[in-house]
Amino acid sequence: MRIAIDDFGTGYSSLAYLRQFPVDELKIDRSFVAGLERSADAKALIHTLVHLGKALGLVTLGEGIEQEGQLRDLQRERCDTGQGFLLGRPMEPTALSEFVSSPDRRSAGDADPDHEVVA
């Protein structure tokens, strides 16, 4: 089993959780990702959160990737992975099952396989 802190940086998520629980993954909230292309503050926060995760040995994931620029900025920061409509739309269980069992996995809804965030 793996533990991820979802929506990190907002609401009830806290730096204290990083010490309190055996966390494996830091999911950076979509509100930070959404501002990447228009805000230097958002870029600074993404930089800090990704590097904090790396320093603690955690997998970093950017949520809500919907624009090419957001994907590029996360890749530039060496974010490990991501999720969002740019990468793939939600799927019905049968479509997901077919996608996972497909040998070439060329399409996840509207996703382009070249849009992988892995650093």
Protein backbone atom coordinates (compact mmCIF):
# COMPACT_ATOMS: atom_id res chain seq x y z
CA MET A 1 0.00 0.00 0.00
CA ARG A 2 1.17 3.53 -0.80
CA ILE A 3 0.06 6.79 0.82
CA ALA A 4 -0.36 10.03 -1.11
CA ILE A 5 -1.20 13.45 0.28
CA ASP A 6 -3.87 14.75 -2.09
CA ASP A 7 -4.36 18.46 -2.89
CA PHE A 8 -1.11 19.32 -1.14
CA GLY A 9 -0.80 22.98 -0.24
CA THR A 10 -4.52 23.62 0.27
CA GLY A 11 -7.22 22.99 2.84
CA TYR A 12 -6.32 20.50 5.52
CA SER A 13 -3.10 19.23 3.93
CA SER A 14 -0.16 20.25 6.05
CA LEU A 15 3.60 20.03 6.21
CA ALA A 16 3.12 18.22 9.52
CA TYR A 17 1.57 15.28 7.63
CA LEU A 18 4.90 14.72 5.91
CA ARG A 19 6.42 13.81 9.29
CA GLN A 20 3.32 12.33 10.87
CA PHE A 21 2.52 9.68 8.24
CA PRO A 22 4.64 7.33 6.10
CA VAL A 23 3.86 9.29 2.94
CA ASP A 24 5.03 8.04 -0.49
CA GLU A 25 3.61 10.66 -2.83
CA LEU A 26 2.92 14.37 -2.85
CA LYS A 27 0.02 15.39 -5.13
CA ILE A 28 0.38 19.10 -5.89
CA ASP A 29 -3.03 20.75 -6.00
CA ARG A 30 -4.45 21.80 -9.34
CA SER A 31 -4.88 25.40 -8.15
CA PHE A 32 -1.08 25.80 -8.25
CA VAL A 33 -0.78 24.09 -11.64
CA ALA A 34 -3.59 26.25 -13.10
CA GLY A 35 -1.63 29.43 -12.41
CA LEU A 36 1.66 28.27 -13.89
CA GLU A 37 1.38 30.10 -17.21
CA ARG A 38 0.36 33.46 -15.78
CA SER A 39 1.90 33.78 -12.34
CA ALA A 40 5.49 33.94 -11.14
CA ASP A 41 4.18 33.10 -7.66
CA ALA A 42 2.59 29.88 -8.95
CA LYS A 43 5.88 28.94 -10.63
CA ALA A 44 7.78 29.60 -7.40
CA LEU A 45 5.32 27.48 -5.42
CA ILE A 46 5.50 24.60 -7.90
CA HIS A 47 9.30 24.78 -7.80
CA THR A 48 9.27 24.70 -4.00
CA LEU A 49 6.73 21.89 -3.69
CA VAL A 50 8.43 19.64 -6.26
CA HIS A 51 11.84 20.17 -4.68
CA LEU A 52 10.42 19.63 -1.19
CA GLY A 53 8.99 16.32 -2.34
CA LYS A 54 12.30 15.32 -3.94
CA ALA A 55 14.26 16.26 -0.81
CA LEU A 56 11.98 14.01 1.23
CA GLY A 57 12.25 11.13 -1.24
CA LEU A 58 8.61 11.40 -2.34
CA VAL A 59 7.06 10.90 -5.76
CA THR A 60 5.68 14.25 -6.99
CA LEU A 61 2.50 14.51 -9.04
CA GLY A 62 1.00 17.65 -10.57
CA GLU A 63 -2.81 17.64 -10.65
CA GLY A 64 -5.08 19.30 -13.20
CA ILE A 65 -2.75 19.51 -16.21
CA GLU A 66 -4.87 21.01 -19.00
CA GLN A 67 -2.40 23.11 -21.03
CA GLU A 68 0.83 22.30 -22.87
CA GLY A 69 2.62 25.08 -20.98
CA GLN A 70 1.65 23.58 -17.63
CA LEU A 71 3.05 20.24 -18.74
CA ARG A 72 6.32 21.85 -19.90
CA ASP A 73 6.71 23.79 -16.65
CA LEU A 74 6.17 20.64 -14.56
CA GLN A 75 8.65 18.73 -16.72
CA ARG A 76 11.16 21.58 -16.35
CA GLU A 77 10.83 21.27 -12.57
CA ARG A 78 11.36 17.49 -12.85
CA CYS A 79 7.91 16.64 -11.45
CA ASP A 80 7.66 12.83 -11.56
CA THR A 81 4.18 12.44 -12.97
CA GLY A 82 0.88 14.17 -13.53
CA GLN A 83 -2.79 13.89 -14.16
CA GLY A 84 -5.29 16.03 -16.01
CA PHE A 85 -7.43 16.34 -19.12
CA LEU A 86 -4.40 17.04 -21.32
CA LEU A 87 -3.08 13.58 -20.48
CA GLY A 88 -6.37 11.70 -20.55
CA ARG A 89 -10.07 12.08 -19.91
CA PRO A 90 -11.95 10.04 -17.30
CA MET A 91 -13.05 6.67 -18.68
CA GLU A 92 -15.86 4.27 -18.03
CA PRO A 93 -14.67 1.03 -16.36
CA THR A 94 -15.00 -1.02 -19.57
CA ALA A 95 -12.97 1.53 -21.58
CA LEU A 96 -10.33 1.60 -18.87
CA SER A 97 -10.12 -2.19 -18.84
CA GLU A 98 -9.67 -2.23 -22.63
CA PHE A 99 -7.04 0.52 -22.44
CA VAL A 100 -5.03 -1.25 -19.74
CA SER A 101 -5.11 -4.57 -21.59
CA SER A 102 -4.30 -3.00 -24.99
CA PRO A 103 -0.77 -3.88 -26.14
CA ASP A 104 -0.06 -0.48 -27.70
CA ARG A 105 -2.08 1.86 -25.39
CA ARG A 106 -2.08 4.62 -27.98
CA SER A 107 -5.03 6.56 -26.65
CA ALA A 108 -6.49 7.38 -23.25
CA GLY A 109 -9.59 9.21 -24.33
CA ASP A 110 -8.20 12.32 -26.00
CA ALA A 111 -4.67 11.81 -24.63
CA ASP A 112 -1.50 11.88 -26.67
CA PRO A 113 1.07 9.28 -25.52
CA ASP A 114 3.84 11.86 -25.94
CA HIS A 115 2.34 13.86 -23.05
CA GLU A 116 4.05 11.92 -20.33
CA VAL A 117 5.27 13.94 -17.35
CA VAL A 118 7.84 11.46 -16.09
CA ALA A 119 11.14 13.23 -15.57
